[in-house]
Amino acid sequence: MDALLEIADTYVLDTIYNQLALLIAPVALPQDDSSLSNVTAATNSLFSTGAWQTRSYIPRQILSLSILMLLGAHILYFLFASFSYYFIFSHKMMHHPRFLPNQISLEIKTSLKAFPLMMLLTLPWFLAEVRGWSKLYNNVSDHWGGWWYLVGSVAAFLLFTDYCIYWIHRWLHHPLLYKPLHKLHHRWIIPTPFASYAFHPVDGYLQSVPYHLFVFLVPMHRYLYLGLFFAVNFWTILIHDSDMITGHPLENIINGPAHHTLHHIYFTVNYGQYFTWADRAGQSYRHPDTSLDPLLEVKMHSESLKEGKAKPE
């Protein structure tokens, strides 16, 4: 996020804060009212032109990050989810008997309600990045491993976050946590891409922690991390498209949409985010066999409805 904030500062926010600083320039202090004078002095200090023009000013960083997070969350959500919904998601799934009335609207409303608190919980991580407390670095040459390390850090990021999310996700299915936190997300038994962030906000935040934690433990190129952040968001949406395409050579390795579709249907299988290895080790893996395709149930349901209409009264 520090890379994104730097870009936003350079091209947009510096200008905005300069203009705002002029609008809220310090006012003259009254001479006869000491209490009002103290309040005005404090206000002048908080909104002083020099402070808000400084990128390292913490209130400015908090405000900027909050704006970027909320705008970014909404843009990425609607952009990626809409793309997946219109070009990947099978609309036949909406005729599944367990697809809820007005489900897409409910998924979107749940996501939008979750965003503000999720962003608030995530803000300290991003602020710590911006303040320079993470292990993010600027140039490939800044790390002794160079390009080899850059490539290796991608593998480390994926393996670390996948394994951590596996356990966080599995713990969220514990009876003590499932009902108050995770049950809401499993309301969508046949999810659409818009269900990807239809979480309880604490649930969504907990599953995001490994992404933030990684760069405080392991050095990573800042722009690579930003790219992975966008990729992770797209993947999270993609695996909620209820796709059950099977038979491809990577399905034994990659925990894709078919695997996650089975997770929503059967609840206690395929907790992983990217790979199947953690589920295999944890004995929670279920292979996406074609016989488990929910589209088969859609066809059966459709045929039963036709038969019911065809019966004479």
C-alpha atoms as a PDB file:
ATOM      1  CA  MET A   1       0.000   0.000   0.000  1.00  0.00           C
ATOM      2  CA  ASP A   2       2.954   2.342   0.505  1.00  0.00           C
ATOM      3  CA  ALA A   3       3.677   2.146  -3.233  1.00  0.00           C
ATOM      4  CA  LEU A   4       0.064   2.949  -4.088  1.00  0.00           C
ATOM      5  CA  LEU A   5       0.021   5.847  -1.637  1.00  0.00           C
ATOM      6  CA  GLU A   6       3.206   7.260  -3.169  1.00  0.00           C
ATOM      7  CA  ILE A   7       1.624   7.158  -6.627  1.00  0.00           C
ATOM      8  CA  ALA A   8      -1.578   8.750  -5.319  1.00  0.00           C
ATOM      9  CA  ASP A   9       0.395  11.458  -3.504  1.00  0.00           C
ATOM     10  CA  THR A  10       2.433  12.288  -6.582  1.00  0.00           C
ATOM     11  CA  TYR A  11      -0.410  12.560  -9.053  1.00  0.00           C
ATOM     12  CA  VAL A  12      -3.455  13.514  -6.971  1.00  0.00           C
ATOM     13  CA  LEU A  13      -3.213  13.932  -3.222  1.00  0.00           C
ATOM     14  CA  ASP A  14      -0.382  16.470  -3.005  1.00  0.00           C
ATOM     15  CA  THR A  15      -2.455  18.900  -5.060  1.00  0.00           C
ATOM     16  CA  ILE A  16      -5.600  18.227  -3.042  1.00  0.00           C
ATOM     17  CA  TYR A  17      -3.880  18.719   0.309  1.00  0.00           C
ATOM     18  CA  ASN A  18      -2.219  21.908  -0.904  1.00  0.00           C
ATOM     19  CA  GLN A  19      -5.614  23.307  -1.842  1.00  0.00           C
ATOM     20  CA  LEU A  20      -7.213  22.138   1.396  1.00  0.00           C
ATOM     21  CA  ALA A  21      -4.416  23.700   3.402  1.00  0.00           C
ATOM     22  CA  LEU A  22      -5.232  27.057   1.857  1.00  0.00           C
ATOM     23  CA  LEU A  23      -8.907  26.667   2.720  1.00  0.00           C
ATOM     24  CA  ILE A  24      -8.210  25.810   6.350  1.00  0.00           C
ATOM     25  CA  ALA A  25      -5.328  28.214   6.854  1.00  0.00           C
ATOM     26  CA  PRO A  26      -4.757  29.357  10.471  1.00  0.00           C
ATOM     27  CA  VAL A  27      -7.142  32.019  11.714  1.00  0.00           C
ATOM     28  CA  ALA A  28      -6.277  34.966  13.899  1.00  0.00           C
ATOM     29  CA  LEU A  29      -6.343  34.310  17.640  1.00  0.00           C
ATOM     30  CA  PRO A  30      -8.768  36.404  19.703  1.00  0.00           C
ATOM     31  CA  GLN A  31      -7.212  38.472  22.481  1.00  0.00           C
ATOM     32  CA  ASP A  32     -10.038  38.492  25.022  1.00  0.00           C
ATOM     33  CA  ASP A  33     -11.173  34.856  25.281  1.00  0.00           C
ATOM     34  CA  SER A  34      -8.475  32.502  26.536  1.00  0.00           C
ATOM     35  CA  SER A  35     -10.591  29.326  26.209  1.00  0.00           C
ATOM     36  CA  LEU A  36     -11.521  30.110  22.614  1.00  0.00           C
ATOM     37  CA  SER A  37      -7.928  31.066  21.992  1.00  0.00           C
ATOM     38  CA  ASN A  38      -6.744  27.655  23.177  1.00  0.00           C
ATOM     39  CA  VAL A  39      -9.227  25.856  20.915  1.00  0.00           C
ATOM     40  CA  THR A  40      -8.250  27.989  17.944  1.00  0.00           C
ATOM     41  CA  ALA A  41      -4.563  27.405  18.611  1.00  0.00           C
ATOM     42  CA  ALA A  42      -5.120  23.650  18.722  1.00  0.00           C
ATOM     43  CA  THR A  43      -7.100  23.814  15.485  1.00  0.00           C
ATOM     44  CA  ASN A  44      -4.373  25.855  13.830  1.00  0.00           C
ATOM     45  CA  SER A  45      -1.808  23.296  14.935  1.00  0.00           C
ATOM     46  CA  LEU A  46      -3.836  20.373  13.608  1.00  0.00           C
ATOM     47  CA  PHE A  47      -4.646  21.987  10.270  1.00  0.00           C
ATOM     48  CA  SER A  48      -1.453  23.920   9.762  1.00  0.00           C
ATOM     49  CA  THR A  49      -0.532  24.286   6.116  1.00  0.00           C
ATOM     50  CA  GLY A  50       2.926  22.812   6.523  1.00  0.00           C
ATOM     51  CA  ALA A  51       1.699  19.683   8.293  1.00  0.00           C
ATOM     52  CA  TRP A  52      -0.862  18.677   5.678  1.00  0.00           C
ATOM     53  CA  GLN A  53       1.593  19.355   2.884  1.00  0.00           C
ATOM     54  CA  THR A  54       3.994  16.860   4.454  1.00  0.00           C
ATOM     55  CA  ARG A  55       3.541  13.273   3.280  1.00  0.00           C
ATOM     56  CA  SER A  56       4.889  11.851   6.538  1.00  0.00           C
ATOM     57  CA  TYR A  57       2.227  13.644   8.621  1.00  0.00           C
ATOM     58  CA  ILE A  58       0.388  10.785  10.347  1.00  0.00           C
ATOM     59  CA  PRO A  59      -3.151  12.284  10.234  1.00  0.00           C
ATOM     60  CA  ARG A  60      -2.683  12.843   6.505  1.00  0.00           C
ATOM     61  CA  GLN A  61      -1.456   9.271   6.029  1.00  0.00           C
ATOM     62  CA  ILE A  62      -4.416   7.874   7.967  1.00  0.00           C
ATOM     63  CA  LEU A  63      -6.902   9.932   5.959  1.00  0.00           C
ATOM     64  CA  SER A  64      -5.224   9.118   2.644  1.00  0.00           C
ATOM     65  CA  LEU A  65      -5.034   5.407   3.377  1.00  0.00           C
ATOM     66  CA  SER A  66      -8.660   5.321   4.495  1.00  0.00           C
ATOM     67  CA  ILE A  67      -9.789   6.963   1.266  1.00  0.00           C
ATOM     68  CA  LEU A  68      -7.616   4.722  -0.901  1.00  0.00           C
ATOM     69  CA  MET A  69      -8.742   1.589   0.914  1.00  0.00           C
ATOM     70  CA  LEU A  70     -12.447   2.349   0.636  1.00  0.00           C
ATOM     71  CA  LEU A  71     -12.242   3.463  -2.983  1.00  0.00           C
ATOM     72  CA  GLY A  72      -9.949   0.583  -3.896  1.00  0.00           C
ATOM     73  CA  ALA A  73     -12.106  -2.030  -2.186  1.00  0.00           C
ATOM     74  CA  HIS A  74     -15.237  -0.880  -3.996  1.00  0.00           C
ATOM     75  CA  ILE A  75     -13.542  -0.511  -7.383  1.00  0.00           C
ATOM     76  CA  LEU A  76     -11.776  -3.876  -7.237  1.00  0.00           C
ATOM     77  CA  TYR A  77     -14.870  -5.624  -5.927  1.00  0.00           C
ATOM     78  CA  PHE A  78     -17.265  -4.343  -8.561  1.00  0.00           C
ATOM     79  CA  LEU A  79     -14.731  -4.487 -11.396  1.00  0.00           C
ATOM     80  CA  PHE A  80     -13.447  -8.025 -10.812  1.00  0.00           C
ATOM     81  CA  ALA A  81     -16.736  -9.476  -9.567  1.00  0.00           C
ATOM     82  CA  SER A  82     -18.666  -8.016 -12.503  1.00  0.00           C
ATOM     83  CA  PHE A  83     -16.104  -9.375 -14.962  1.00  0.00           C
ATOM     84  CA  SER A  84     -16.299 -12.835 -13.399  1.00  0.00           C
ATOM     85  CA  TYR A  85     -20.092 -12.713 -13.183  1.00  0.00           C
ATOM     86  CA  TYR A  86     -20.650 -11.748 -16.817  1.00  0.00           C
ATOM     87  CA  PHE A  87     -17.853 -13.709 -18.481  1.00  0.00           C
ATOM     88  CA  ILE A  88     -17.082 -16.737 -16.272  1.00  0.00           C
ATOM     89  CA  PHE A  89     -19.932 -17.503 -13.885  1.00  0.00           C
ATOM     90  CA  SER A  90     -22.558 -19.904 -15.257  1.00  0.00           C
ATOM     91  CA  HIS A  91     -25.914 -18.179 -14.881  1.00  0.00           C
ATOM     92  CA  LYS A  92     -27.561 -21.581 -14.906  1.00  0.00           C
ATOM     93  CA  MET A  93     -26.428 -21.833 -11.280  1.00  0.00           C
ATOM     94  CA  MET A  94     -29.045 -19.244 -10.388  1.00  0.00           C
ATOM     95  CA  HIS A  95     -31.672 -21.934 -11.004  1.00  0.00           C
ATOM     96  CA  HIS A  96     -30.162 -24.211  -8.372  1.00  0.00           C
ATOM     97  CA  PRO A  97     -32.743 -25.043  -5.667  1.00  0.00           C
ATOM     98  CA  ARG A  98     -30.371 -23.736  -2.980  1.00  0.00           C
ATOM     99  CA  PHE A  99     -29.761 -20.424  -4.722  1.00  0.00           C
ATOM    100  CA  LEU A 100     -31.473 -17.805  -2.566  1.00  0.00           C
ATOM    101  CA  PRO A 101     -34.095 -15.329  -3.765  1.00  0.00           C
ATOM    102  CA  ASN A 102     -32.420 -11.973  -4.482  1.00  0.00           C
ATOM    103  CA  GLN A 103     -29.098 -13.588  -3.602  1.00  0.00           C
ATOM    104  CA  ILE A 104     -26.881 -11.319  -5.685  1.00  0.00           C
ATOM    105  CA  SER A 105     -28.404  -8.237  -4.103  1.00  0.00           C
ATOM    106  CA  LEU A 106     -27.891  -9.761  -0.659  1.00  0.00           C
ATOM    107  CA  GLU A 107     -24.275 -10.654  -1.450  1.00  0.00           C
ATOM    108  CA  ILE A 108     -23.525  -7.113  -2.576  1.00  0.00           C
ATOM    109  CA  LYS A 109     -25.236  -5.527   0.432  1.00  0.00           C
ATOM    110  CA  THR A 110     -23.375  -7.828   2.823  1.00  0.00           C
ATOM    111  CA  SER A 111     -20.053  -6.986   1.170  1.00  0.00           C
ATOM    112  CA  LEU A 112     -20.651  -3.242   1.256  1.00  0.00           C
ATOM    113  CA  LYS A 113     -21.614  -3.404   4.928  1.00  0.00           C
ATOM    114  CA  ALA A 114     -18.434  -5.330   5.715  1.00  0.00           C
ATOM    115  CA  PHE A 115     -15.999  -3.038   3.903  1.00  0.00           C
ATOM    116  CA  PRO A 116     -15.805  -0.123   6.398  1.00  0.00           C
ATOM    117  CA  LEU A 117     -14.958  -2.251   9.450  1.00  0.00           C
ATOM    118  CA  MET A 118     -12.626  -4.484   7.443  1.00  0.00           C
ATOM    119  CA  MET A 119     -10.801  -1.367   6.262  1.00  0.00           C
ATOM    120  CA  LEU A 120     -10.612   0.026   9.793  1.00  0.00           C
ATOM    121  CA  LEU A 121      -9.118  -3.212  11.112  1.00  0.00           C
ATOM    122  CA  THR A 122      -6.637  -3.329   8.232  1.00  0.00           C
ATOM    123  CA  LEU A 123      -5.575   0.320   8.521  1.00  0.00           C
ATOM    124  CA  PRO A 124      -2.831  -0.256  11.162  1.00  0.00           C
ATOM    125  CA  TRP A 125      -1.077  -2.738   8.858  1.00  0.00           C
ATOM    126  CA  PHE A 126      -1.027  -0.315   5.944  1.00  0.00           C
ATOM    127  CA  LEU A 127       0.002   2.584   8.167  1.00  0.00           C
ATOM    128  CA  ALA A 128       2.896   0.508   9.492  1.00  0.00           C
ATOM    129  CA  GLU A 129       3.958  -0.192   5.896  1.00  0.00           C
ATOM    130  CA  VAL A 130       3.849   3.488   5.014  1.00  0.00           C
ATOM    131  CA  ARG A 131       5.811   4.374   8.160  1.00  0.00           C
ATOM    132  CA  GLY A 132       8.581   2.046   7.005  1.00  0.00           C
ATOM    133  CA  TRP A 133       8.192  -0.704   9.586  1.00  0.00           C
ATOM    134  CA  SER A 134       7.774  -3.542   7.094  1.00  0.00           C
ATOM    135  CA  LYS A 135      10.476  -5.354   5.117  1.00  0.00           C
ATOM    136  CA  LEU A 136       9.346  -3.963   1.772  1.00  0.00           C
ATOM    137  CA  TYR A 137      12.203  -2.701  -0.404  1.00  0.00           C
ATOM    138  CA  ASN A 138      12.305  -0.457  -3.468  1.00  0.00           C
ATOM    139  CA  ASN A 139      14.803  -1.882  -5.945  1.00  0.00           C
ATOM    140  CA  VAL A 140      15.767  -5.394  -6.990  1.00  0.00           C
ATOM    141  CA  SER A 141      19.374  -4.501  -6.191  1.00  0.00           C
ATOM    142  CA  ASP A 142      18.419  -3.612  -2.607  1.00  0.00           C
ATOM    143  CA  HIS A 143      18.333  -7.307  -1.725  1.00  0.00           C
ATOM    144  CA  TRP A 144      21.423  -9.493  -2.028  1.00  0.00           C
ATOM    145  CA  GLY A 145      19.414 -12.200  -3.805  1.00  0.00           C
ATOM    146  CA  GLY A 146      18.518  -9.958  -6.739  1.00  0.00           C
ATOM    147  CA  TRP A 147      16.158 -11.407  -9.319  1.00  0.00           C
ATOM    148  CA  TRP A 148      16.460 -14.949  -7.962  1.00  0.00           C
ATOM    149  CA  TYR A 149      15.207 -13.789  -4.600  1.00  0.00           C
ATOM    150  CA  LEU A 150      12.429 -11.772  -6.250  1.00  0.00           C
ATOM    151  CA  VAL A 151      11.076 -14.915  -7.914  1.00  0.00           C
ATOM    152  CA  GLY A 152      11.566 -16.977  -4.775  1.00  0.00           C
ATOM    153  CA  SER A 153       9.704 -14.435  -2.671  1.00  0.00           C
ATOM    154  CA  VAL A 154       6.584 -15.016  -4.785  1.00  0.00           C
ATOM    155  CA  ALA A 155       6.670 -18.731  -3.982  1.00  0.00           C
ATOM    156  CA  ALA A 156       7.300 -17.962  -0.313  1.00  0.00           C
ATOM    157  CA  PHE A 157       4.386 -15.516  -0.240  1.00  0.00           C
ATOM    158  CA  LEU A 158       1.969 -17.991  -1.814  1.00  0.00           C
ATOM    159  CA  LEU A 159       3.010 -20.914   0.383  1.00  0.00           C
ATOM    160  CA  PHE A 160       3.016 -18.879   3.600  1.00  0.00           C
ATOM    161  CA  THR A 161      -0.335 -17.209   3.021  1.00  0.00           C
ATOM    162  CA  ASP A 162      -1.953 -20.392   1.726  1.00  0.00           C
ATOM    163  CA  TYR A 163      -0.937 -22.414   4.776  1.00  0.00           C
ATOM    164  CA  CYS A 164      -1.898 -19.674   7.245  1.00  0.00           C
ATOM    165  CA  ILE A 165      -5.265 -19.090   5.598  1.00  0.00           C
ATOM    166  CA  TYR A 166      -5.907 -22.824   5.577  1.00  0.00           C
ATOM    167  CA  TRP A 167      -5.685 -22.918   9.370  1.00  0.00           C
ATOM    168  CA  ILE A 168      -7.492 -19.628   9.945  1.00  0.00           C
ATOM    169  CA  HIS A 169     -10.279 -20.797   7.665  1.00  0.00           C
ATOM    170  CA  ARG A 170     -10.428 -24.181   9.355  1.00  0.00           C
ATOM    171  CA  TRP A 171     -10.524 -22.612  12.826  1.00  0.00           C
ATOM    172  CA  LEU A 172     -13.379 -20.401  11.642  1.00  0.00           C
ATOM    173  CA  HIS A 173     -15.349 -23.614  11.172  1.00  0.00           C
ATOM    174  CA  HIS A 174     -14.926 -24.476  14.850  1.00  0.00           C
ATOM    175  CA  PRO A 175     -18.341 -24.316  16.574  1.00  0.00           C
ATOM    176  CA  LEU A 176     -17.203 -21.466  18.824  1.00  0.00           C
ATOM    177  CA  LEU A 177     -16.286 -19.286  15.834  1.00  0.00           C
ATOM    178  CA  TYR A 178     -18.455 -20.568  13.018  1.00  0.00           C
ATOM    179  CA  LYS A 179     -21.831 -19.193  14.087  1.00  0.00           C
ATOM    180  CA  PRO A 180     -20.739 -15.694  15.190  1.00  0.00           C
ATOM    181  CA  LEU A 181     -18.200 -15.111  12.399  1.00  0.00           C
ATOM    182  CA  HIS A 182     -18.150 -17.482   9.446  1.00  0.00           C
ATOM    183  CA  LYS A 183     -21.708 -18.724   9.091  1.00  0.00           C
ATOM    184  CA  LEU A 184     -22.726 -15.564   7.249  1.00  0.00           C
ATOM    185  CA  HIS A 185     -20.375 -16.378   4.375  1.00  0.00           C
ATOM    186  CA  HIS A 186     -21.776 -19.898   4.130  1.00  0.00           C
ATOM    187  CA  ARG A 187     -25.227 -18.499   3.654  1.00  0.00           C
ATOM    188  CA  TRP A 188     -24.242 -18.535  -0.012  1.00  0.00           C
ATOM    189  CA  ILE A 189     -24.258 -22.280  -0.687  1.00  0.00           C
ATOM    190  CA  ILE A 190     -24.176 -21.636  -4.413  1.00  0.00           C
ATOM    191  CA  PRO A 191     -22.055 -18.479  -4.454  1.00  0.00           C
ATOM    192  CA  THR A 192     -21.646 -15.954  -7.206  1.00  0.00           C
ATOM    193  CA  PRO A 193     -18.519 -13.803  -7.617  1.00  0.00           C
ATOM    194  CA  PHE A 194     -20.294 -11.116  -5.585  1.00  0.00           C
ATOM    195  CA  ALA A 195     -20.162 -13.452  -2.559  1.00  0.00           C
ATOM    196  CA  SER A 196     -16.365 -13.248  -2.493  1.00  0.00           C
ATOM    197  CA  TYR A 197     -16.397 -10.489   0.142  1.00  0.00           C
ATOM    198  CA  ALA A 198     -19.819 -11.162   1.628  1.00  0.00           C
ATOM    199  CA  PHE A 199     -18.273 -11.899   5.022  1.00  0.00           C
ATOM    200  CA  HIS A 200     -18.666 -10.848   8.577  1.00  0.00           C
ATOM    201  CA  PRO A 201     -16.018  -8.079   8.616  1.00  0.00           C
ATOM    202  CA  VAL A 202     -13.967  -9.758  11.357  1.00  0.00           C
ATOM    203  CA  ASP A 203     -14.008 -13.006   9.370  1.00  0.00           C
ATOM    204  CA  GLY A 204     -12.790 -11.228   6.250  1.00  0.00           C
ATOM    205  CA  TYR A 205     -10.104  -9.402   8.209  1.00  0.00           C
ATOM    206  CA  LEU A 206      -8.782 -12.540   9.908  1.00  0.00           C
ATOM    207  CA  GLN A 207      -8.356 -14.293   6.577  1.00  0.00           C
ATOM    208  CA  SER A 208      -6.446 -11.286   5.233  1.00  0.00           C
ATOM    209  CA  VAL A 209      -3.938 -11.106   8.106  1.00  0.00           C
ATOM    210  CA  PRO A 210      -1.353 -13.480   6.516  1.00  0.00           C
ATOM    211  CA  TYR A 211      -1.048 -11.190   3.480  1.00  0.00           C
ATOM    212  CA  HIS A 212      -0.109  -8.255   5.682  1.00  0.00           C
ATOM    213  CA  LEU A 213       1.984 -10.229   8.151  1.00  0.00           C
ATOM    214  CA  PHE A 214       4.213 -11.692   5.442  1.00  0.00           C
ATOM    215  CA  VAL A 215       5.976  -8.435   4.539  1.00  0.00           C
ATOM    216  CA  PHE A 216       6.792  -7.792   8.197  1.00  0.00           C
ATOM    217  CA  LEU A 217       8.570 -11.133   8.365  1.00  0.00           C
ATOM    218  CA  VAL A 218      10.059 -11.579   4.894  1.00  0.00           C
ATOM    219  CA  PRO A 219      11.615  -8.957   2.580  1.00  0.00           C
ATOM    220  CA  MET A 220       9.622  -8.337  -0.604  1.00  0.00           C
ATOM    221  CA  HIS A 221       9.799  -5.851  -3.451  1.00  0.00           C
ATOM    222  CA  ARG A 222       7.131  -3.226  -2.863  1.00  0.00           C
ATOM    223  CA  TYR A 223       5.713  -3.238  -6.406  1.00  0.00           C
ATOM    224  CA  LEU A 224       5.731  -7.016  -6.525  1.00  0.00           C
ATOM    225  CA  TYR A 225       3.752  -7.011  -3.287  1.00  0.00           C
ATOM    226  CA  LEU A 226       1.292  -4.523  -4.749  1.00  0.00           C
ATOM    227  CA  GLY A 227       0.848  -6.714  -7.823  1.00  0.00           C
ATOM    228  CA  LEU A 228       0.288  -9.797  -5.683  1.00  0.00           C
ATOM    229  CA  PHE A 229      -2.242  -7.874  -3.623  1.00  0.00           C
ATOM    230  CA  PHE A 230      -4.333  -7.214  -6.741  1.00  0.00           C
ATOM    231  CA  ALA A 231      -3.866 -10.808  -7.932  1.00  0.00           C
ATOM    232  CA  VAL A 232      -5.023 -12.194  -4.585  1.00  0.00           C
ATOM    233  CA  ASN A 233      -8.165 -10.079  -4.737  1.00  0.00           C
ATOM    234  CA  PHE A 234      -8.943 -11.336  -8.224  1.00  0.00           C
ATOM    235  CA  TRP A 235      -8.309 -14.951  -7.197  1.00  0.00           C
ATOM    236  CA  THR A 236     -10.611 -14.583  -4.189  1.00  0.00           C
ATOM    237  CA  ILE A 237     -13.385 -13.462  -6.516  1.00  0.00           C
ATOM    238  CA  LEU A 238     -12.600 -16.070  -9.169  1.00  0.00           C
ATOM    239  CA  ILE A 239     -12.934 -19.058  -6.821  1.00  0.00           C
ATOM    240  CA  HIS A 240     -16.470 -17.960  -5.961  1.00  0.00           C
ATOM    241  CA  ASP A 241     -17.843 -18.397  -9.475  1.00  0.00           C
ATOM    242  CA  SER A 242     -19.276 -21.898  -8.722  1.00  0.00           C
ATOM    243  CA  ASP A 243     -17.344 -23.292 -11.668  1.00  0.00           C
ATOM    244  CA  MET A 244     -16.943 -27.086 -11.675  1.00  0.00           C
ATOM    245  CA  ILE A 245     -14.721 -27.468 -14.721  1.00  0.00           C
ATOM    246  CA  THR A 246     -12.645 -30.540 -13.959  1.00  0.00           C
ATOM    247  CA  GLY A 247     -10.149 -32.818 -15.631  1.00  0.00           C
ATOM    248  CA  HIS A 248      -7.389 -30.256 -16.131  1.00  0.00           C
ATOM    249  CA  PRO A 249      -3.831 -31.301 -15.180  1.00  0.00           C
ATOM    250  CA  LEU A 250      -3.474 -28.811 -12.306  1.00  0.00           C
ATOM    251  CA  GLU A 251      -6.612 -29.697 -10.370  1.00  0.00           C
ATOM    252  CA  ASN A 252      -4.640 -31.988  -8.051  1.00  0.00           C
ATOM    253  CA  ILE A 253      -2.355 -29.077  -7.139  1.00  0.00           C
ATOM    254  CA  ILE A 254      -4.372 -25.873  -7.479  1.00  0.00           C
ATOM    255  CA  ASN A 255      -7.306 -25.234  -5.165  1.00  0.00           C
ATOM    256  CA  GLY A 256      -9.445 -23.599  -7.820  1.00  0.00           C
ATOM    257  CA  PRO A 257     -13.087 -22.614  -8.243  1.00  0.00           C
ATOM    258  CA  ALA A 258     -14.269 -26.233  -8.416  1.00  0.00           C
ATOM    259  CA  HIS A 259     -12.631 -27.033  -5.079  1.00  0.00           C
ATOM    260  CA  HIS A 260     -14.076 -23.951  -3.417  1.00  0.00           C
ATOM    261  CA  THR A 261     -17.509 -24.687  -4.841  1.00  0.00           C
ATOM    262  CA  LEU A 262     -17.396 -27.994  -2.969  1.00  0.00           C
ATOM    263  CA  HIS A 263     -16.358 -26.127   0.168  1.00  0.00           C
ATOM    264  CA  HIS A 264     -19.515 -24.026   0.035  1.00  0.00           C
ATOM    265  CA  ILE A 265     -21.680 -27.079  -0.583  1.00  0.00           C
ATOM    266  CA  TYR A 266     -20.113 -29.483   1.936  1.00  0.00           C
ATOM    267  CA  PHE A 267     -18.653 -26.918   4.416  1.00  0.00           C
ATOM    268  CA  THR A 268     -15.804 -29.000   5.893  1.00  0.00           C
ATOM    269  CA  VAL A 269     -13.626 -29.655   2.848  1.00  0.00           C
ATOM    270  CA  ASN A 270     -11.111 -27.697   0.760  1.00  0.00           C
ATOM    271  CA  TYR A 271     -10.188 -24.882   3.151  1.00  0.00           C
ATOM    272  CA  GLY A 272      -7.105 -23.866   1.158  1.00  0.00           C
ATOM    273  CA  GLN A 273      -6.744 -20.658  -0.811  1.00  0.00           C
ATOM    274  CA  TYR A 274      -4.444 -21.541  -3.728  1.00  0.00           C
ATOM    275  CA  PHE A 275      -3.188 -25.095  -3.341  1.00  0.00           C
ATOM    276  CA  THR A 276      -4.481 -28.491  -2.270  1.00  0.00           C
ATOM    277  CA  TRP A 277      -1.445 -29.622  -0.266  1.00  0.00           C
ATOM    278  CA  ALA A 278      -2.616 -28.226   3.087  1.00  0.00           C
ATOM    279  CA  ASP A 279      -6.012 -29.887   2.700  1.00  0.00           C
ATOM    280  CA  ARG A 280      -4.334 -33.159   1.802  1.00  0.00           C
ATOM    281  CA  ALA A 281      -2.074 -32.929   4.851  1.00  0.00           C
ATOM    282  CA  GLY A 282      -5.021 -31.959   7.040  1.00  0.00           C
ATOM    283  CA  GLN A 283      -7.228 -34.722   5.595  1.00  0.00           C
ATOM    284  CA  SER A 284      -9.853 -32.211   4.480  1.00  0.00           C
ATOM    285  CA  TYR A 285      -9.308 -32.546   0.742  1.00  0.00           C
ATOM    286  CA  ARG A 286     -12.203 -33.481  -1.531  1.00  0.00           C
ATOM    287  CA  HIS A 287     -11.548 -33.940  -5.206  1.00  0.00           C
ATOM    288  CA  PRO A 288     -13.882 -32.048  -7.577  1.00  0.00           C
ATOM    289  CA  ASP A 289     -15.324 -35.020  -9.391  1.00  0.00           C
ATOM    290  CA  THR A 290     -17.768 -34.322 -12.211  1.00  0.00           C
ATOM    291  CA  SER A 291     -20.459 -36.275 -10.351  1.00  0.00           C
ATOM    292  CA  LEU A 292     -20.445 -33.526  -7.703  1.00  0.00           C
ATOM    293  CA  ASP A 293     -21.159 -30.718 -10.163  1.00  0.00           C
ATOM    294  CA  PRO A 294     -24.081 -28.651  -8.803  1.00  0.00           C
ATOM    295  CA  LEU A 295     -25.220 -28.101 -12.382  1.00  0.00           C
ATOM    296  CA  LEU A 296     -26.415 -31.717 -12.325  1.00  0.00           C
ATOM    297  CA  GLU A 297     -28.774 -30.774  -9.521  1.00  0.00           C
ATOM    298  CA  VAL A 298     -29.906 -27.765 -11.530  1.00  0.00           C
ATOM    299  CA  LYS A 299     -30.821 -30.072 -14.418  1.00  0.00           C
ATOM    300  CA  MET A 300     -32.626 -32.494 -12.115  1.00  0.00           C
ATOM    301  CA  HIS A 301     -34.528 -29.655 -10.485  1.00  0.00           C
ATOM    302  CA  SER A 302     -35.480 -28.214 -13.861  1.00  0.00           C
ATOM    303  CA  GLU A 303     -36.680 -31.598 -15.105  1.00  0.00           C
ATOM    304  CA  SER A 304     -38.745 -32.192 -11.972  1.00  0.00           C
ATOM    305  CA  LEU A 305     -40.412 -28.815 -12.421  1.00  0.00           C
ATOM    306  CA  LYS A 306     -41.239 -29.666 -16.029  1.00  0.00           C
ATOM    307  CA  GLU A 307     -42.651 -33.021 -14.989  1.00  0.00           C
ATOM    308  CA  GLY A 308     -44.746 -31.339 -12.320  1.00  0.00           C
ATOM    309  CA  LYS A 309     -46.213 -28.928 -14.834  1.00  0.00           C
ATOM    310  CA  ALA A 310     -46.848 -31.740 -17.299  1.00  0.00           C
ATOM    311  CA  LYS A 311     -48.937 -33.779 -14.839  1.00  0.00           C
ATOM    312  CA  PRO A 312     -52.693 -33.461 -15.408  1.00  0.00           C
ATOM    313  CA  GLU A 313     -54.632 -31.806 -12.628  1.00  0.00           C
END
